[in-house]
């Protein structure tokens, strides 16, 4: 049996997915930029950090969707 608050919790969790993707992407990009400046490897680590951040964001989204579906 579902409680009246449960749908609102699911809506809140789903609305946070976009923020999760953006934060992971910018975190990966920022880390890549920092390491590129530190190690003088432009733009290799910036691109790698961006791709890793995007992948991490999508992994978080898929995991959240999987747990909400249960």
N, C-alpha and C. Protein backbone atom coordinates (compact mmCIF):
# COMPACT_ATOMS: atom_id res chain seq x y z
N UNK A 1 0.83 -1.17 0.00
CA UNK A 1 0.00 0.00 0.00
C UNK A 1 0.89 1.25 0.00
N UNK A 2 0.54 2.21 -0.83
CA UNK A 2 1.34 3.43 -0.92
C UNK A 2 0.77 4.52 -0.03
N UNK A 3 1.65 5.28 0.52
CA UNK A 3 1.23 6.41 1.34
C UNK A 3 1.02 7.62 0.44
N UNK A 4 0.26 8.61 0.87
CA UNK A 4 0.03 9.79 0.03
C UNK A 4 1.31 10.57 -0.28
N UNK A 5 2.34 10.46 0.53
CA UNK A 5 3.57 11.20 0.30
C UNK A 5 4.50 10.52 -0.70
N UNK A 6 4.32 9.25 -0.95
CA UNK A 6 5.24 8.51 -1.80
C UNK A 6 5.34 9.08 -3.23
N UNK A 7 4.25 9.42 -3.91
CA UNK A 7 4.42 9.99 -5.26
C UNK A 7 5.22 11.29 -5.25
N UNK A 8 5.06 12.12 -4.24
CA UNK A 8 5.82 13.37 -4.17
C UNK A 8 7.30 13.10 -3.98
N UNK A 9 7.62 12.08 -3.23
CA UNK A 9 9.04 11.73 -3.06
C UNK A 9 9.65 11.26 -4.37
N UNK A 10 8.86 10.50 -5.14
CA UNK A 10 9.35 10.05 -6.43
C UNK A 10 9.52 11.22 -7.40
N UNK A 11 8.58 12.16 -7.38
CA UNK A 11 8.71 13.34 -8.23
C UNK A 11 9.95 14.15 -7.86
N UNK A 12 10.20 14.29 -6.59
CA UNK A 12 11.37 15.02 -6.14
C UNK A 12 12.65 14.32 -6.56
N UNK A 13 12.67 13.01 -6.45
CA UNK A 13 13.86 12.25 -6.85
C UNK A 13 14.09 12.36 -8.36
N UNK A 14 13.03 12.30 -9.14
CA UNK A 14 13.17 12.42 -10.59
C UNK A 14 13.58 13.82 -11.01
N UNK A 15 13.09 14.82 -10.31
CA UNK A 15 13.45 16.19 -10.67
C UNK A 15 14.92 16.48 -10.38
N UNK A 16 15.53 15.74 -9.50
CA UNK A 16 16.95 15.94 -9.18
C UNK A 16 17.87 15.29 -10.20
N UNK A 17 17.34 14.51 -11.12
CA UNK A 17 18.18 13.81 -12.09
C UNK A 17 18.92 14.78 -13.01
N UNK A 18 18.25 15.82 -13.47
CA UNK A 18 18.91 16.80 -14.33
C UNK A 18 20.06 17.48 -13.62
N UNK A 19 19.85 17.82 -12.38
CA UNK A 19 20.89 18.46 -11.58
C UNK A 19 22.07 17.51 -11.39
N UNK A 20 21.78 16.25 -11.21
CA UNK A 20 22.84 15.25 -11.05
C UNK A 20 23.73 15.19 -12.28
N UNK A 21 23.11 15.17 -13.46
CA UNK A 21 23.88 15.10 -14.69
C UNK A 21 24.75 16.34 -14.87
N UNK A 22 24.19 17.50 -14.61
CA UNK A 22 24.94 18.75 -14.76
C UNK A 22 26.10 18.81 -13.77
N UNK A 23 25.86 18.46 -12.52
CA UNK A 23 26.92 18.53 -11.52
C UNK A 23 28.05 17.55 -11.81
N UNK A 24 27.71 16.34 -12.21
CA UNK A 24 28.75 15.36 -12.54
C UNK A 24 29.57 15.83 -13.74
N UNK A 25 28.90 16.40 -14.74
CA UNK A 25 29.60 16.88 -15.93
C UNK A 25 30.56 18.01 -15.57
N UNK A 26 30.08 18.99 -14.80
CA UNK A 26 30.95 20.11 -14.44
C UNK A 26 32.06 19.70 -13.49
N UNK A 27 31.79 18.74 -12.64
CA UNK A 27 32.84 18.25 -11.74
C UNK A 27 33.96 17.57 -12.54
N UNK A 28 33.58 16.73 -13.49
CA UNK A 28 34.59 16.08 -14.35
C UNK A 28 35.35 17.08 -15.19
N UNK A 29 34.64 18.07 -15.74
CA UNK A 29 35.29 19.10 -16.54
C UNK A 29 36.24 19.92 -15.69
N UNK A 30 35.81 20.31 -14.51
CA UNK A 30 36.66 21.10 -13.63
C UNK A 30 37.91 20.35 -13.21
N UNK A 31 37.74 19.08 -12.88
CA UNK A 31 38.90 18.27 -12.50
C UNK A 31 39.86 18.12 -13.67
N UNK A 32 39.31 17.91 -14.87
CA UNK A 32 40.16 17.80 -16.06
C UNK A 32 40.92 19.08 -16.34
N UNK A 33 40.24 20.23 -16.23
CA UNK A 33 40.90 21.51 -16.44
C UNK A 33 42.00 21.74 -15.41
N UNK A 34 41.70 21.42 -14.16
CA UNK A 34 42.69 21.59 -13.09
C UNK A 34 43.94 20.74 -13.38
N UNK A 35 43.72 19.48 -13.71
CA UNK A 35 44.87 18.60 -13.97
C UNK A 35 45.63 19.00 -15.22
N UNK A 36 44.91 19.48 -16.25
CA UNK A 36 45.59 19.95 -17.46
C UNK A 36 46.50 21.14 -17.16
N UNK A 37 46.02 22.06 -16.37
CA UNK A 37 46.85 23.22 -16.02
C UNK A 37 48.04 22.81 -15.16
N UNK A 38 47.79 21.86 -14.28
CA UNK A 38 48.84 21.42 -13.35
C UNK A 38 49.92 20.61 -14.06
N UNK A 39 49.49 19.75 -15.00
CA UNK A 39 50.42 18.83 -15.66
C UNK A 39 50.80 19.27 -17.07
N UNK A 40 50.22 20.38 -17.53
CA UNK A 40 50.50 20.93 -18.86
C UNK A 40 50.25 19.90 -19.96
N UNK A 41 49.05 19.35 -19.97
CA UNK A 41 48.68 18.34 -20.96
C UNK A 41 47.45 18.75 -21.76
N UNK A 42 47.24 20.04 -21.97
CA UNK A 42 46.04 20.52 -22.65
C UNK A 42 45.86 19.85 -23.99
N UNK A 43 44.72 19.50 -24.44
CA UNK A 43 43.42 19.40 -23.80
C UNK A 43 43.05 17.97 -23.41
N UNK A 44 44.03 17.11 -23.33
CA UNK A 44 43.77 15.68 -23.13
C UNK A 44 42.98 15.39 -21.87
N UNK A 45 43.40 15.91 -20.74
CA UNK A 45 42.71 15.60 -19.49
C UNK A 45 41.40 16.35 -19.35
N UNK A 46 41.28 17.49 -20.01
CA UNK A 46 40.00 18.20 -20.01
C UNK A 46 38.94 17.36 -20.72
N UNK A 47 39.28 16.83 -21.87
CA UNK A 47 38.34 16.00 -22.63
C UNK A 47 38.04 14.72 -21.86
N UNK A 48 39.07 14.10 -21.32
CA UNK A 48 38.87 12.87 -20.55
C UNK A 48 37.99 13.13 -19.32
N UNK A 49 38.25 14.21 -18.61
CA UNK A 49 37.44 14.55 -17.44
C UNK A 49 35.99 14.83 -17.81
N UNK A 50 35.78 15.52 -18.92
CA UNK A 50 34.43 15.79 -19.40
C UNK A 50 33.69 14.50 -19.72
N UNK A 51 34.34 13.61 -20.44
CA UNK A 51 33.69 12.34 -20.81
C UNK A 51 33.42 11.47 -19.58
N UNK A 52 34.35 11.45 -18.66
CA UNK A 52 34.14 10.67 -17.42
C UNK A 52 33.01 11.28 -16.60
N UNK A 53 32.94 12.60 -16.55
CA UNK A 53 31.86 13.26 -15.83
C UNK A 53 30.50 12.96 -16.43
N UNK A 54 30.41 13.01 -17.75
CA UNK A 54 29.14 12.69 -18.43
C UNK A 54 28.76 11.25 -18.17
N UNK A 55 29.72 10.34 -18.29
CA UNK A 55 29.44 8.91 -18.04
C UNK A 55 28.99 8.69 -16.60
N UNK A 56 29.64 9.35 -15.65
CA UNK A 56 29.25 9.20 -14.25
C UNK A 56 27.84 9.75 -14.02
N UNK A 57 27.52 10.85 -14.66
CA UNK A 57 26.18 11.41 -14.53
C UNK A 57 25.11 10.46 -15.06
N UNK A 58 25.35 9.88 -16.22
CA UNK A 58 24.38 8.94 -16.76
C UNK A 58 24.28 7.67 -15.92
N UNK A 59 25.40 7.22 -15.38
CA UNK A 59 25.35 6.05 -14.51
C UNK A 59 24.50 6.34 -13.27
N UNK A 60 24.63 7.53 -12.71
CA UNK A 60 23.82 7.91 -11.55
C UNK A 60 22.35 7.97 -11.92
N UNK A 61 22.05 8.50 -13.10
CA UNK A 61 20.66 8.58 -13.55
C UNK A 61 20.07 7.19 -13.72
N UNK A 62 20.79 6.31 -14.39
CA UNK A 62 20.28 4.96 -14.61
C UNK A 62 20.10 4.21 -13.29
N UNK A 63 21.01 4.40 -12.36
CA UNK A 63 20.90 3.75 -11.05
C UNK A 63 19.67 4.27 -10.29
N UNK A 64 19.44 5.58 -10.35
CA UNK A 64 18.30 6.16 -9.65
C UNK A 64 16.99 5.67 -10.28
N UNK A 65 16.93 5.62 -11.58
CA UNK A 65 15.73 5.12 -12.26
C UNK A 65 15.48 3.66 -11.92
N UNK A 66 16.56 2.88 -11.85
CA UNK A 66 16.41 1.46 -11.51
C UNK A 66 15.87 1.28 -10.10
N UNK A 67 16.37 2.08 -9.15
CA UNK A 67 15.89 1.94 -7.78
C UNK A 67 14.49 2.49 -7.60
N UNK A 68 14.11 3.50 -8.38
CA UNK A 68 12.75 4.02 -8.28
C UNK A 68 11.73 3.06 -8.88
N UNK A 69 12.16 2.24 -9.82
CA UNK A 69 11.26 1.30 -10.45
C UNK A 69 10.88 0.12 -9.56
N UNK A 70 11.61 -0.07 -8.47
CA UNK A 70 11.33 -1.20 -7.57
C UNK A 70 10.18 -0.91 -6.67
